[in-house]
Amino acid sequence: MKGEMGKMMKQLQKMQSGMLKMQEELAQKVVTATSGGGAITVEASGQKELISIKIDPEVLQEENREMLEDMILAAVNEALKKVDEMAAAEMQKLTGGMNLPPGLF
């Protein structure tokens, strides 16, 4: 039992080290999302920080303001969803499919 506990602790330490590396790698990655058929393009880092928002000049008219706001929200939310999916995929690789309780790392 003691040997098993030691083995488990080593695995957890290895995962924790891997988590730190993964977080550093995610910080360097960028996801891109669009909305409005490409009228809005948003880039976000793997740390959920917005890097850029590009707006097609054709939609920059006052009568389009509300629609433009909705498209920006949609693109930002999609970018953040992609970051979550990317992080989950990296976590899956790191834990090898182990079902660990949320918040363990």
PDB file of N, CA and C in Angstrom:
ATOM      1  N   MET A   1       0.834  -1.198   0.000  1.00  0.00           N
ATOM      2  CA  MET A   1       0.000   0.000   0.000  1.00  0.00           C
ATOM      3  C   MET A   1       0.872   1.253   0.000  1.00  0.00           C
ATOM      4  N   LYS A   2       1.942   1.227   0.822  1.00  0.00           N
ATOM      5  CA  LYS A   2       2.817   2.385   0.898  1.00  0.00           C
ATOM      6  C   LYS A   2       3.510   2.630  -0.443  1.00  0.00           C
ATOM      7  N   GLY A   3       3.924   1.546  -1.098  1.00  0.00           N
ATOM      8  CA  GLY A   3       4.558   1.661  -2.412  1.00  0.00           C
ATOM      9  C   GLY A   3       3.606   2.222  -3.452  1.00  0.00           C
ATOM     10  N   GLU A   4       2.341   1.815  -3.372  1.00  0.00           N
ATOM     11  CA  GLU A   4       1.330   2.319  -4.302  1.00  0.00           C
ATOM     12  C   GLU A   4       1.111   3.816  -4.104  1.00  0.00           C
ATOM     13  N   MET A   5       1.099   4.231  -2.837  1.00  0.00           N
ATOM     14  CA  MET A   5       0.897   5.653  -2.527  1.00  0.00           C
ATOM     15  C   MET A   5       2.069   6.478  -3.057  1.00  0.00           C
ATOM     16  N   GLY A   6       3.275   5.963  -2.886  1.00  0.00           N
ATOM     17  CA  GLY A   6       4.457   6.656  -3.406  1.00  0.00           C
ATOM     18  C   GLY A   6       4.422   6.765  -4.915  1.00  0.00           C
ATOM     19  N   LYS A   7       3.995   5.688  -5.564  1.00  0.00           N
ATOM     20  CA  LYS A   7       3.882   5.687  -7.025  1.00  0.00           C
ATOM     21  C   LYS A   7       2.839   6.718  -7.474  1.00  0.00           C
ATOM     22  N   MET A   8       1.725   6.765  -6.766  1.00  0.00           N
ATOM     23  CA  MET A   8       0.671   7.713  -7.095  1.00  0.00           C
ATOM     24  C   MET A   8       1.157   9.154  -6.904  1.00  0.00           C
ATOM     25  N   MET A   9       1.897   9.400  -5.847  1.00  0.00           N
ATOM     26  CA  MET A   9       2.414  10.748  -5.585  1.00  0.00           C
ATOM     27  C   MET A   9       3.377  11.177  -6.695  1.00  0.00           C
ATOM     28  N   LYS A  10       4.220  10.233  -7.165  1.00  0.00           N
ATOM     29  CA  LYS A  10       5.137  10.550  -8.253  1.00  0.00           C
ATOM     30  C   LYS A  10       4.367  10.883  -9.524  1.00  0.00           C
ATOM     31  N   GLN A  11       3.287  10.137  -9.783  1.00  0.00           N
ATOM     32  CA  GLN A  11       2.464  10.407 -10.964  1.00  0.00           C
ATOM     33  C   GLN A  11       1.819  11.788 -10.855  1.00  0.00           C
ATOM     34  N   LEU A  12       1.326  12.123  -9.667  1.00  0.00           N
ATOM     35  CA  LEU A  12       0.706  13.431  -9.476  1.00  0.00           C
ATOM     36  C   LEU A  12       1.728  14.557  -9.639  1.00  0.00           C
ATOM     37  N   GLN A  13       2.935  14.362  -9.133  1.00  0.00           N
ATOM     38  CA  GLN A  13       3.983  15.369  -9.295  1.00  0.00           C
ATOM     39  C   GLN A  13       4.336  15.540 -10.768  1.00  0.00           C
ATOM     40  N   LYS A  14       4.397  14.430 -11.484  1.00  0.00           N
ATOM     41  CA  LYS A  14       4.687  14.489 -12.920  1.00  0.00           C
ATOM     42  C   LYS A  14       3.573  15.246 -13.644  1.00  0.00           C
ATOM     43  N   MET A  15       2.324  14.970 -13.281  1.00  0.00           N
ATOM     44  CA  MET A  15       1.194  15.672 -13.905  1.00  0.00           C
ATOM     45  C   MET A  15       1.231  17.159 -13.578  1.00  0.00           C
ATOM     46  N   GLN A  16       1.574  17.485 -12.344  1.00  0.00           N
ATOM     47  CA  GLN A  16       1.625  18.891 -11.945  1.00  0.00           C
ATOM     48  C   GLN A  16       2.703  19.617 -12.752  1.00  0.00           C
ATOM     49  N   SER A  17       3.845  18.983 -12.921  1.00  0.00           N
ATOM     50  CA  SER A  17       4.916  19.562 -13.728  1.00  0.00           C
ATOM     51  C   SER A  17       4.443  19.731 -15.173  1.00  0.00           C
ATOM     52  N   GLY A  18       3.752  18.713 -15.670  1.00  0.00           N
ATOM     53  CA  GLY A  18       3.204  18.782 -17.024  1.00  0.00           C
ATOM     54  C   GLY A  18       2.173  19.887 -17.164  1.00  0.00           C
ATOM     55  N   MET A  19       1.395  20.101 -16.110  1.00  0.00           N
ATOM     56  CA  MET A  19       0.382  21.171 -16.133  1.00  0.00           C
ATOM     57  C   MET A  19       1.046  22.538 -16.282  1.00  0.00           C
ATOM     58  N   LEU A  20       2.114  22.764 -15.541  1.00  0.00           N
ATOM     59  CA  LEU A  20       2.816  24.040 -15.632  1.00  0.00           C
ATOM     60  C   LEU A  20       3.350  24.264 -17.044  1.00  0.00           C
ATOM     61  N   LYS A  21       3.925  23.213 -17.616  1.00  0.00           N
ATOM     62  CA  LYS A  21       4.428  23.308 -18.981  1.00  0.00           C
ATOM     63  C   LYS A  21       3.281  23.567 -19.953  1.00  0.00           C
ATOM     64  N   MET A  22       2.164  22.866 -19.767  1.00  0.00           N
ATOM     65  CA  MET A  22       1.011  23.034 -20.635  1.00  0.00           C
ATOM     66  C   MET A  22       0.482  24.465 -20.562  1.00  0.00           C
ATOM     67  N   GLN A  23       0.415  25.033 -19.365  1.00  0.00           N
ATOM     68  CA  GLN A  23      -0.068  26.401 -19.206  1.00  0.00           C
ATOM     69  C   GLN A  23       0.837  27.388 -19.938  1.00  0.00           C
ATOM     70  N   GLU A  24       2.144  27.156 -19.870  1.00  0.00           N
ATOM     71  CA  GLU A  24       3.086  28.012 -20.590  1.00  0.00           C
ATOM     72  C   GLU A  24       2.880  27.895 -22.099  1.00  0.00           C
ATOM     73  N   GLU A  25       2.680  26.654 -22.564  1.00  0.00           N
ATOM     74  CA  GLU A  25       2.458  26.440 -23.989  1.00  0.00           C
ATOM     75  C   GLU A  25       1.141  27.051 -24.448  1.00  0.00           C
ATOM     76  N   LEU A  26       0.090  26.911 -23.642  1.00  0.00           N
ATOM     77  CA  LEU A  26      -1.204  27.496 -24.004  1.00  0.00           C
ATOM     78  C   LEU A  26      -1.109  29.013 -24.111  1.00  0.00           C
ATOM     79  N   ALA A  27      -0.311  29.624 -23.240  1.00  0.00           N
ATOM     80  CA  ALA A  27      -0.163  31.081 -23.268  1.00  0.00           C
ATOM     81  C   ALA A  27       0.406  31.550 -24.597  1.00  0.00           C
ATOM     82  N   GLN A  28       1.173  30.685 -25.269  1.00  0.00           N
ATOM     83  CA  GLN A  28       1.789  31.049 -26.542  1.00  0.00           C
ATOM     84  C   GLN A  28       0.874  30.780 -27.742  1.00  0.00           C
ATOM     85  N   LYS A  29      -0.200  30.035 -27.526  1.00  0.00           N
ATOM     86  CA  LYS A  29      -1.088  29.680 -28.634  1.00  0.00           C
ATOM     87  C   LYS A  29      -2.161  30.745 -28.834  1.00  0.00           C
ATOM     88  N   VAL A  30      -2.655  30.827 -30.060  1.00  0.00           N
ATOM     89  CA  VAL A  30      -3.684  31.799 -30.422  1.00  0.00           C
ATOM     90  C   VAL A  30      -4.805  31.074 -31.153  1.00  0.00           C
ATOM     91  N   VAL A  31      -6.045  31.391 -30.788  1.00  0.00           N
ATOM     92  CA  VAL A  31      -7.191  30.872 -31.525  1.00  0.00           C
ATOM     93  C   VAL A  31      -7.853  32.035 -32.253  1.00  0.00           C
ATOM     94  N   THR A  32      -8.490  31.719 -33.358  1.00  0.00           N
ATOM     95  CA  THR A  32      -9.189  32.719 -34.157  1.00  0.00           C
ATOM     96  C   THR A  32     -10.632  32.283 -34.322  1.00  0.00           C
ATOM     97  N   ALA A  33     -11.549  33.232 -34.181  1.00  0.00           N
ATOM     98  CA  ALA A  33     -12.970  32.955 -34.390  1.00  0.00           C
ATOM     99  C   ALA A  33     -13.564  34.096 -35.210  1.00  0.00           C
ATOM    100  N   THR A  34     -14.578  33.765 -35.997  1.00  0.00           N
ATOM    101  CA  THR A  34     -15.239  34.790 -36.801  1.00  0.00           C
ATOM    102  C   THR A  34     -16.743  34.713 -36.595  1.00  0.00           C
ATOM    103  N   SER A  35     -17.407  35.773 -36.968  1.00  0.00           N
ATOM    104  CA  SER A  35     -18.869  35.781 -36.983  1.00  0.00           C
ATOM    105  C   SER A  35     -19.317  36.708 -38.098  1.00  0.00           C
ATOM    106  N   GLY A  36     -20.604  36.639 -38.390  1.00  0.00           N
ATOM    107  CA  GLY A  36     -21.143  37.480 -39.453  1.00  0.00           C
ATOM    108  C   GLY A  36     -20.541  37.171 -40.806  1.00  0.00           C
ATOM    109  N   GLY A  37     -20.279  35.893 -41.052  1.00  0.00           N
ATOM    110  CA  GLY A  37     -19.715  35.505 -42.343  1.00  0.00           C
ATOM    111  C   GLY A  37     -18.326  36.071 -42.567  1.00  0.00           C
ATOM    112  N   GLY A  38     -17.591  36.285 -41.497  1.00  0.00           N
ATOM    113  CA  GLY A  38     -16.233  36.819 -41.606  1.00  0.00           C
ATOM    114  C   GLY A  38     -16.157  38.321 -41.405  1.00  0.00           C
ATOM    115  N   ALA A  39     -17.287  38.957 -41.123  1.00  0.00           N
ATOM    116  CA  ALA A  39     -17.286  40.403 -40.908  1.00  0.00           C
ATOM    117  C   ALA A  39     -16.516  40.780 -39.646  1.00  0.00           C
ATOM    118  N   ILE A  40     -16.511  39.884 -38.670  1.00  0.00           N
ATOM    119  CA  ILE A  40     -15.793  40.097 -37.417  1.00  0.00           C
ATOM    120  C   ILE A  40     -14.806  38.946 -37.242  1.00  0.00           C
ATOM    121  N   THR A  41     -13.560  39.277 -36.936  1.00  0.00           N
ATOM    122  CA  THR A  41     -12.541  38.278 -36.639  1.00  0.00           C
ATOM    123  C   THR A  41     -11.914  38.627 -35.301  1.00  0.00           C
ATOM    124  N   VAL A  42     -11.865  37.638 -34.412  1.00  0.00           N
ATOM    125  CA  VAL A  42     -11.320  37.835 -33.068  1.00  0.00           C
ATOM    126  C   VAL A  42     -10.191  36.831 -32.859  1.00  0.00           C
ATOM    127  N   GLU A  43      -9.104  37.295 -32.246  1.00  0.00           N
ATOM    128  CA  GLU A  43      -8.021  36.411 -31.841  1.00  0.00           C
ATOM    129  C   GLU A  43      -7.887  36.496 -30.327  1.00  0.00           C
ATOM    130  N   ALA A  44      -7.683  35.322 -29.704  1.00  0.00           N
ATOM    131  CA  ALA A  44      -7.501  35.257 -28.257  1.00  0.00           C
ATOM    132  C   ALA A  44      -6.341  34.328 -27.948  1.00  0.00           C
ATOM    133  N   SER A  45      -5.644  34.637 -26.847  1.00  0.00           N
ATOM    134  CA  SER A  45      -4.546  33.767 -26.424  1.00  0.00           C
ATOM    135  C   SER A  45      -5.108  32.584 -25.664  1.00  0.00           C
ATOM    136  N   GLY A  46      -4.264  31.597 -25.431  1.00  0.00           N
ATOM    137  CA  GLY A  46      -4.649  30.433 -24.655  1.00  0.00           C
ATOM    138  C   GLY A  46      -4.940  30.762 -23.204  1.00  0.00           C
ATOM    139  N   GLN A  47      -4.684  32.004 -22.803  1.00  0.00           N
ATOM    140  CA  GLN A  47      -5.005  32.450 -21.447  1.00  0.00           C
ATOM    141  C   GLN A  47      -6.277  33.295 -21.427  1.00  0.00           C
ATOM    142  N   LYS A  48      -7.048  33.193 -22.505  1.00  0.00           N
ATOM    143  CA  LYS A  48      -8.322  33.903 -22.639  1.00  0.00           C
ATOM    144  C   LYS A  48      -8.164  35.421 -22.619  1.00  0.00           C
ATOM    145  N   GLU A  49      -7.075  35.899 -23.195  1.00  0.00           N
ATOM    146  CA  GLU A  49      -6.887  37.332 -23.355  1.00  0.00           C
ATOM    147  C   GLU A  49      -7.124  37.667 -24.817  1.00  0.00           C
ATOM    148  N   LEU A  50      -7.963  38.669 -25.077  1.00  0.00           N
ATOM    149  CA  LEU A  50      -8.202  39.080 -26.452  1.00  0.00           C
ATOM    150  C   LEU A  50      -6.944  39.737 -26.988  1.00  0.00           C
ATOM    151  N   ILE A  51      -6.547  39.325 -28.181  1.00  0.00           N
ATOM    152  CA  ILE A  51      -5.359  39.873 -28.816  1.00  0.00           C
ATOM    153  C   ILE A  51      -5.762  40.911 -29.850  1.00  0.00           C
ATOM    154  N   SER A  52      -6.784  40.584 -30.637  1.00  0.00           N
ATOM    155  CA  SER A  52      -7.218  41.537 -31.653  1.00  0.00           C
ATOM    156  C   SER A  52      -8.672  41.304 -32.028  1.00  0.00           C
ATOM    157  N   ILE A  53      -9.284  42.377 -32.504  1.00  0.00           N
ATOM    158  CA  ILE A  53     -10.630  42.333 -33.076  1.00  0.00           C
ATOM    159  C   ILE A  53     -10.550  43.095 -34.392  1.00  0.00           C
ATOM    160  N   LYS A  54     -10.922  42.423 -35.470  1.00  0.00           N
ATOM    161  CA  LYS A  54     -10.933  43.067 -36.785  1.00  0.00           C
ATOM    162  C   LYS A  54     -12.378  43.136 -37.266  1.00  0.00           C
ATOM    163  N   ILE A  55     -12.742  44.310 -37.789  1.00  0.00           N
ATOM    164  CA  ILE A  55     -14.108  44.548 -38.259  1.00  0.00           C
ATOM    165  C   ILE A  55     -14.054  44.969 -39.718  1.00  0.00           C
ATOM    166  N   ASP A  56     -14.810  44.257 -40.536  1.00  0.00           N
ATOM    167  CA  ASP A  56     -14.905  44.614 -41.949  1.00  0.00           C
ATOM    168  C   ASP A  56     -15.521  46.016 -42.050  1.00  0.00           C
ATOM    169  N   PRO A  57     -14.879  46.940 -42.758  1.00  0.00           N
ATOM    170  CA  PRO A  57     -15.387  48.318 -42.859  1.00  0.00           C
ATOM    171  C   PRO A  57     -16.815  48.425 -43.387  1.00  0.00           C
ATOM    172  N   GLU A  58     -17.254  47.432 -44.135  1.00  0.00           N
ATOM    173  CA  GLU A  58     -18.604  47.486 -44.698  1.00  0.00           C
ATOM    174  C   GLU A  58     -19.696  47.428 -43.630  1.00  0.00           C
ATOM    175  N   VAL A  59     -19.390  46.902 -42.459  1.00  0.00           N
ATOM    176  CA  VAL A  59     -20.417  46.806 -41.418  1.00  0.00           C
ATOM    177  C   VAL A  59     -20.351  47.973 -40.433  1.00  0.00           C
ATOM    178  N   LEU A  60     -19.437  48.917 -40.675  1.00  0.00           N
ATOM    179  CA  LEU A  60     -19.274  50.056 -39.767  1.00  0.00           C
ATOM    180  C   LEU A  60     -20.211  51.210 -40.136  1.00  0.00           C
ATOM    181  N   GLN A  61     -21.473  50.949 -40.085  1.00  0.00           N
ATOM    182  CA  GLN A  61     -22.471  51.980 -40.342  1.00  0.00           C
ATOM    183  C   GLN A  61     -23.388  52.038 -39.139  1.00  0.00           C
ATOM    184  N   GLU A  62     -23.863  53.210 -38.801  1.00  0.00           N
ATOM    185  CA  GLU A  62     -24.678  53.391 -37.593  1.00  0.00           C
ATOM    186  C   GLU A  62     -25.883  52.452 -37.561  1.00  0.00           C
ATOM    187  N   GLU A  63     -26.514  52.237 -38.697  1.00  0.00           N
ATOM    188  CA  GLU A  63     -27.695  51.364 -38.692  1.00  0.00           C
ATOM    189  C   GLU A  63     -27.331  49.904 -38.412  1.00  0.00           C
ATOM    190  N   ASN A  64     -26.059  49.575 -38.490  1.00  0.00           N
ATOM    191  CA  ASN A  64     -25.603  48.214 -38.207  1.00  0.00           C
ATOM    192  C   ASN A  64     -25.051  48.050 -36.791  1.00  0.00           C
ATOM    193  N   ARG A  65     -25.111  49.098 -35.985  1.00  0.00           N
ATOM    194  CA  ARG A  65     -24.466  49.087 -34.678  1.00  0.00           C
ATOM    195  C   ARG A  65     -24.890  47.911 -33.814  1.00  0.00           C
ATOM    196  N   GLU A  66     -26.182  47.685 -33.662  1.00  0.00           N
ATOM    197  CA  GLU A  66     -26.660  46.597 -32.807  1.00  0.00           C
ATOM    198  C   GLU A  66     -26.236  45.233 -33.355  1.00  0.00           C
ATOM    199  N   MET A  67     -26.350  45.063 -34.657  1.00  0.00           N
ATOM    200  CA  MET A  67     -25.930  43.813 -35.282  1.00  0.00           C
ATOM    201  C   MET A  67     -24.422  43.622 -35.091  1.00  0.00           C
ATOM    202  N   LEU A  68     -23.660  44.683 -35.229  1.00  0.00           N
ATOM    203  CA  LEU A  68     -22.214  44.629 -35.060  1.00  0.00           C
ATOM    204  C   LEU A  68     -21.849  44.221 -33.627  1.00  0.00           C
ATOM    205  N   GLU A  69     -22.524  44.789 -32.662  1.00  0.00           N
ATOM    206  CA  GLU A  69     -22.290  44.428 -31.264  1.00  0.00           C
ATOM    207  C   GLU A  69     -22.558  42.939 -31.035  1.00  0.00           C
ATOM    208  N   ASP A  70     -23.645  42.437 -31.612  1.00  0.00           N
ATOM    209  CA  ASP A  70     -23.980  41.017 -31.479  1.00  0.00           C
ATOM    210  C   ASP A  70     -22.924  40.128 -32.136  1.00  0.00           C
ATOM    211  N   MET A  71     -22.433  40.547 -33.300  1.00  0.00           N
ATOM    212  CA  MET A  71     -21.415  39.757 -33.992  1.00  0.00           C
ATOM    213  C   MET A  71     -20.103  39.743 -33.201  1.00  0.00           C
ATOM    214  N   ILE A  72     -19.752  40.867 -32.593  1.00  0.00           N
ATOM    215  CA  ILE A  72     -18.531  40.919 -31.773  1.00  0.00           C
ATOM    216  C   ILE A  72     -18.669  39.976 -30.588  1.00  0.00           C
ATOM    217  N   LEU A  73     -19.815  40.024 -29.914  1.00  0.00           N
ATOM    218  CA  LEU A  73     -20.040  39.110 -28.788  1.00  0.00           C
ATOM    219  C   LEU A  73     -19.952  37.651 -29.228  1.00  0.00           C
ATOM    220  N   ALA A  74     -20.553  37.339 -30.361  1.00  0.00           N
ATOM    221  CA  ALA A  74     -20.537  35.965 -30.857  1.00  0.00           C
ATOM    222  C   ALA A  74     -19.103  35.513 -31.158  1.00  0.00           C
ATOM    223  N   ALA A  75     -18.317  36.373 -31.790  1.00  0.00           N
ATOM    224  CA  ALA A  75     -16.943  36.013 -32.134  1.00  0.00           C
ATOM    225  C   ALA A  75     -16.084  35.856 -30.885  1.00  0.00           C
ATOM    226  N   VAL A  76     -16.245  36.751 -29.918  1.00  0.00           N
ATOM    227  CA  VAL A  76     -15.474  36.660 -28.676  1.00  0.00           C
ATOM    228  C   VAL A  76     -15.842  35.381 -27.929  1.00  0.00           C
ATOM    229  N   ASN A  77     -17.126  35.109 -27.800  1.00  0.00           N
ATOM    230  CA  ASN A  77     -17.558  33.900 -27.095  1.00  0.00           C
ATOM    231  C   ASN A  77     -17.053  32.638 -27.796  1.00  0.00           C
ATOM    232  N   GLU A  78     -17.050  32.630 -29.110  1.00  0.00           N
ATOM    233  CA  GLU A  78     -16.546  31.479 -29.866  1.00  0.00           C
ATOM    234  C   GLU A  78     -15.045  31.313 -29.639  1.00  0.00           C
ATOM    235  N   ALA A  79     -14.298  32.418 -29.625  1.00  0.00           N
ATOM    236  CA  ALA A  79     -12.852  32.339 -29.379  1.00  0.00           C
ATOM    237  C   ALA A  79     -12.584  31.769 -27.990  1.00  0.00           C
ATOM    238  N   LEU A  80     -13.317  32.224 -26.986  1.00  0.00           N
ATOM    239  CA  LEU A  80     -13.107  31.735 -25.629  1.00  0.00           C
ATOM    240  C   LEU A  80     -13.492  30.260 -25.513  1.00  0.00           C
ATOM    241  N   LYS A  81     -14.523  29.851 -26.238  1.00  0.00           N
ATOM    242  CA  LYS A  81     -14.908  28.436 -26.265  1.00  0.00           C
ATOM    243  C   LYS A  81     -13.792  27.595 -26.875  1.00  0.00           C
ATOM    244  N   LYS A  82     -13.176  28.106 -27.941  1.00  0.00           N
ATOM    245  CA  LYS A  82     -12.075  27.392 -28.576  1.00  0.00           C
ATOM    246  C   LYS A  82     -10.891  27.252 -27.619  1.00  0.00           C
ATOM    247  N   VAL A  83     -10.627  28.290 -26.822  1.00  0.00           N
ATOM    248  CA  VAL A  83      -9.541  28.206 -25.839  1.00  0.00           C
ATOM    249  C   VAL A  83      -9.851  27.099 -24.829  1.00  0.00           C
ATOM    250  N   ASP A  84     -11.101  27.044 -24.345  1.00  0.00           N
ATOM    251  CA  ASP A  84     -11.490  25.991 -23.402  1.00  0.00           C
ATOM    252  C   ASP A  84     -11.310  24.602 -24.014  1.00  0.00           C
ATOM    253  N   GLU A  85     -11.723  24.450 -25.279  1.00  0.00           N
ATOM    254  CA  GLU A  85     -11.593  23.166 -25.957  1.00  0.00           C
ATOM    255  C   GLU A  85     -10.127  22.787 -26.142  1.00  0.00           C
ATOM    256  N   MET A  86      -9.292  23.781 -26.483  1.00  0.00           N
ATOM    257  CA  MET A  86      -7.864  23.533 -26.659  1.00  0.00           C
ATOM    258  C   MET A  86      -7.239  23.113 -25.329  1.00  0.00           C
ATOM    259  N   ALA A  87      -7.598  23.797 -24.250  1.00  0.00           N
ATOM    260  CA  ALA A  87      -7.063  23.466 -22.923  1.00  0.00           C
ATOM    261  C   ALA A  87      -7.525  22.073 -22.493  1.00  0.00           C
ATOM    262  N   ALA A  88      -8.779  21.739 -22.757  1.00  0.00           N
ATOM    263  CA  ALA A  88      -9.300  20.419 -22.390  1.00  0.00           C
ATOM    264  C   ALA A  88      -8.576  19.321 -23.155  1.00  0.00           C
ATOM    265  N   ALA A  89      -8.294  19.572 -24.430  1.00  0.00           N
ATOM    266  CA  ALA A  89      -7.572  18.578 -25.232  1.00  0.00           C
ATOM    267  C   ALA A  89      -6.159  18.383 -24.707  1.00  0.00           C
ATOM    268  N   GLU A  90      -5.516  19.472 -24.323  1.00  0.00           N
ATOM    269  CA  GLU A  90      -4.164  19.374 -23.764  1.00  0.00           C
ATOM    270  C   GLU A  90      -4.189  18.649 -22.422  1.00  0.00           C
ATOM    271  N   MET A  91      -5.204  18.923 -21.619  1.00  0.00           N
ATOM    272  CA  MET A  91      -5.330  18.264 -20.317  1.00  0.00           C
ATOM    273  C   MET A  91      -5.546  16.772 -20.505  1.00  0.00           C
ATOM    274  N   GLN A  92      -6.338  16.398 -21.497  1.00  0.00           N
ATOM    275  CA  GLN A  92      -6.599  14.986 -21.796  1.00  0.00           C
ATOM    276  C   GLN A  92      -5.295  14.277 -22.138  1.00  0.00           C
ATOM    277  N   LYS A  93      -4.444  14.953 -22.927  1.00  0.00           N
ATOM    278  CA  LYS A  93      -3.144  14.369 -23.275  1.00  0.00           C
ATOM    279  C   LYS A  93      -2.295  14.187 -22.020  1.00  0.00           C
ATOM    280  N   LEU A  94      -2.324  15.178 -21.156  1.00  0.00           N
ATOM    281  CA  LEU A  94      -1.490  15.171 -19.960  1.00  0.00           C
ATOM    282  C   LEU A  94      -1.907  14.097 -18.970  1.00  0.00           C
ATOM    283  N   THR A  95      -3.206  13.954 -18.744  1.00  0.00           N
ATOM    284  CA  THR A  95      -3.681  13.012 -17.727  1.00  0.00           C
ATOM    285  C   THR A  95      -3.888  11.612 -18.282  1.00  0.00           C
ATOM    286  N   GLY A  96      -3.778  11.462 -19.592  1.00  0.00           N
ATOM    287  CA  GLY A  96      -3.941  10.147 -20.191  1.00  0.00           C
ATOM    288  C   GLY A  96      -5.320   9.567 -19.968  1.00  0.00           C
ATOM    289  N   GLY A  97      -6.324  10.420 -19.868  1.00  0.00           N
ATOM    290  CA  GLY A  97      -7.691   9.953 -19.719  1.00  0.00           C
ATOM    291  C   GLY A  97      -8.098   9.659 -18.282  1.00  0.00           C
ATOM    292  N   MET A  98      -7.209   9.923 -17.319  1.00  0.00           N
ATOM    293  CA  MET A  98      -7.586   9.708 -15.915  1.00  0.00           C
ATOM    294  C   MET A  98      -8.696  10.681 -15.552  1.00  0.00           C
ATOM    295  N   ASN A  99      -9.690  10.232 -14.849  1.00  0.00           N
ATOM    296  CA  ASN A  99     -10.770  11.100 -14.402  1.00  0.00           C
ATOM    297  C   ASN A  99     -10.387  11.719 -13.072  1.00  0.00           C
ATOM    298  N   LEU A 100      -9.759  12.878 -13.147  1.00  0.00           N
ATOM    299  CA  LEU A 100      -9.344  13.563 -11.918  1.00  0.00           C
ATOM    300  C   LEU A 100     -10.417  14.560 -11.520  1.00  0.00           C
ATOM    301  N   PRO A 101     -10.555  14.797 -10.225  1.00  0.00           N
ATOM    302  CA  PRO A 101     -11.566  15.755  -9.792  1.00  0.00           C
ATOM    303  C   PRO A 101     -11.247  17.157 -10.289  1.00  0.00           C
ATOM    304  N   PRO A 102     -12.265  17.933 -10.671  1.00  0.00           N
ATOM    305  CA  PRO A 102     -12.036  19.301 -11.130  1.00  0.00           C
ATOM    306  C   PRO A 102     -11.303  20.103 -10.065  1.00  0.00           C
ATOM    307  N   GLY A 103     -10.410  20.964 -10.521  1.00  0.00           N
ATOM    308  CA  GLY A 103      -9.691  21.836  -9.595  1.00  0.00           C
ATOM    309  C   GLY A 103      -8.490  21.195  -8.937  1.00  0.00           C
ATOM    310  N   LEU A 104      -8.179  19.926  -9.293  1.00  0.00           N
ATOM    311  CA  LEU A 104      -7.033  19.259  -8.686  1.00  0.00           C
ATOM    312  C   LEU A 104      -5.748  19.974  -9.055  1.00  0.00           C
ATOM    313  N   PHE A 105      -5.688  20.481 -10.291  1.00  0.00           N
ATOM    314  CA  PHE A 105      -4.504  21.198 -10.726  1.00  0.00           C
ATOM    315  C   PHE A 105      -4.846  22.612 -11.075  1.00  0.00           C
TER     316      PHE A 105
END
